[in-house]
Every structure is written in C-alpha cells, then in structure tokens.
Protein backbone atom coordinates (compact mmCIF):
# COMPACT_ATOMS: atom_id res chain seq x y z
CA MET A 1 5.82 -15.06 8.07
CA GLN A 2 4.16 -16.89 5.27
CA SER A 3 6.14 -16.39 2.07
CA ASN A 4 3.63 -13.79 0.77
CA LEU A 5 1.44 -11.27 2.55
CA ASP A 6 -1.05 -8.90 0.90
CA LEU A 7 -2.35 -5.86 2.74
CA THR A 8 -4.97 -3.30 1.69
CA ALA A 9 -6.31 -0.29 3.56
CA SER A 10 -9.04 2.18 2.75
CA LEU A 11 -7.80 5.62 3.78
CA GLY A 12 -10.96 7.63 3.25
CA ARG A 13 -12.87 9.29 0.46
CA LYS A 14 -11.84 12.08 -1.90
CA LYS A 15 -14.04 14.07 -4.23
CA LEU A 16 -12.65 14.75 -7.71
CA ASP A 17 -14.77 16.94 -9.92
CA LYS A 18 -18.27 15.77 -9.04
CA ASP A 19 -17.43 12.12 -8.31
CA GLU A 20 -16.32 10.64 -5.01
CA TYR A 21 -13.60 8.00 -4.78
CA GLU A 22 -12.18 5.73 -2.12
CA VAL A 23 -8.42 6.13 -1.49
CA PHE A 24 -6.59 2.81 -1.16
CA ALA A 25 -3.08 1.83 -0.10
CA THR A 26 -1.79 -1.66 -0.87
CA ALA A 27 1.27 -3.74 -0.12
CA HIS A 28 2.50 -7.08 -1.36
CA ALA A 29 5.22 -8.53 0.84
CA ALA A 30 7.34 -11.51 -0.17
CA TYR A 31 9.95 -13.14 2.06
CA ASP A 32 12.85 -15.12 0.60
CA PRO A 33 14.18 -17.42 3.34
CA THR A 34 17.30 -18.28 1.30
CA SER A 35 18.57 -14.70 1.27
CA GLY A 36 16.70 -13.52 4.37
CA SER A 37 15.24 -10.65 2.39
CA LEU A 38 11.80 -9.10 2.58
CA THR A 39 10.49 -7.25 -0.49
CA VAL A 40 7.45 -5.03 0.00
CA THR A 41 5.81 -3.53 -3.09
CA LEU A 42 3.72 -0.50 -2.13
CA ASP A 43 1.03 1.15 -4.22
CA SER A 44 -1.88 3.56 -3.92
CA PHE A 45 -4.84 4.53 -6.05
CA LEU A 46 -8.39 5.81 -6.11
CA HIS A 47 -11.36 3.59 -6.87
CA PRO A 48 -14.97 4.63 -7.49
CA GLY A 49 -16.34 1.90 -5.19
CA ASP A 50 -15.66 0.70 -1.69
CA ILE A 51 -13.86 -2.47 -2.82
CA ALA A 52 -10.31 -2.39 -4.22
CA HIS A 53 -10.44 -3.98 -7.67
CA ILE A 54 -7.55 -3.85 -10.11
CA GLU A 55 -9.88 -2.45 -12.77
CA ASP A 56 -11.10 1.12 -12.55
CA ARG A 57 -8.02 2.38 -10.71
CA ILE A 58 -7.30 6.08 -10.90
CA VAL A 59 -3.88 7.43 -9.96
CA PRO A 60 -3.94 11.22 -9.58
CA PRO A 61 -0.62 13.09 -9.68
CA TRP A 62 -0.73 13.89 -5.95
CA LEU A 63 -0.36 10.21 -4.99
CA PRO A 64 3.22 8.97 -4.71
CA PRO A 65 4.36 6.48 -7.34
CA LYS A 66 4.54 2.76 -6.63
CA GLN A 67 7.67 1.88 -4.67
CA VAL A 68 9.57 -1.19 -3.54
CA ASP A 69 11.17 -1.52 -0.11
CA ARG A 70 13.78 -4.26 0.50
CA GLU A 71 15.02 -5.27 3.94
CA HIS A 72 17.12 -8.08 5.37
CA VAL A 73 15.35 -9.66 8.33
CA ASP A 74 14.93 -12.96 10.17
CA SER A 75 11.88 -14.95 9.13
CA ASN A 76 10.23 -14.58 12.55
CA GLU A 77 10.33 -10.77 12.20
CA ALA A 78 9.33 -10.50 8.53
CA SER A 79 5.57 -10.26 9.04
CA ASP A 80 5.86 -7.52 11.68
CA LEU A 81 8.32 -5.57 9.54
CA ALA A 82 6.04 -5.83 6.48
CA LYS A 83 3.15 -4.47 8.56
CA ASP A 84 5.33 -1.62 9.86
CA VAL A 85 6.43 -0.69 6.33
CA PHE A 86 2.78 -0.74 5.22
CA HIS A 87 1.71 1.42 8.18
CA ARG A 88 4.34 4.05 7.27
CA TRP A 89 3.16 3.93 3.64
CA CYS A 90 -0.45 4.51 4.73
CA GLU A 91 0.63 7.54 6.76
CA LYS A 92 2.51 8.90 3.74
CA ILE A 93 -0.57 8.47 1.55
CA ARG A 94 -2.79 10.22 4.12
CA ARG A 95 -0.44 13.22 4.14
CA CYS A 96 -0.65 13.41 0.31
CA ILE A 97 -4.44 13.59 0.13
CA PRO A 98 -5.34 17.22 -0.64
CA GLY A 99 -7.48 18.78 2.06
CA HIS A 100 -7.00 15.85 4.41
C-alpha cells in the first residue's frame, strides 16, 4: 500500500426539509511501515452538491461520529484491509440513513 490512501463514496440522496443532499462516506488510511500499523480515519456527512467538498458539510445527528480504526498488518495487506474497513463503514452509514 502507498503510505496514504483516501477513499470517498456517495451513498445516495436524502431530503431534509425541502432541500436534497448527497450522503458521503470518507476514509483516510495511513500505513506506518515502522510499526506495521494501519490507521483509518472514517467520516460521513451530507453535502448539497454531487461533489464532496470540505466546505458546506452538514452532519445530522443520525450520522455516526467520526471514528478512527487502528490495525496491525503487513504492508502487502494494508490496502485491502483499508478498503474492507471502508466498505464496512459505508454499510454502517447506509443503515443509519432514515428511510433507507
């Protein structure tokens, strides 16, 4: 795995009041070869457009808070593990979306 990996997924649209938002899940994975540890920072938010920009993020109370997952893994398995952690996070976010 490269030392850093950024992942973003659009998980659908959600209407709040009269406005519609895109639901995003993100992950930033960093591998430290010295300690053999993978750190994955997971986040989710709503955005009024179809592109995930840092600005204009909305975090409703039904989305889980940002979390950090740490695992010890060999470098050749780090990328796959980061993707697996992100996939599980996306599934968690989907289950939190009201009416989804």
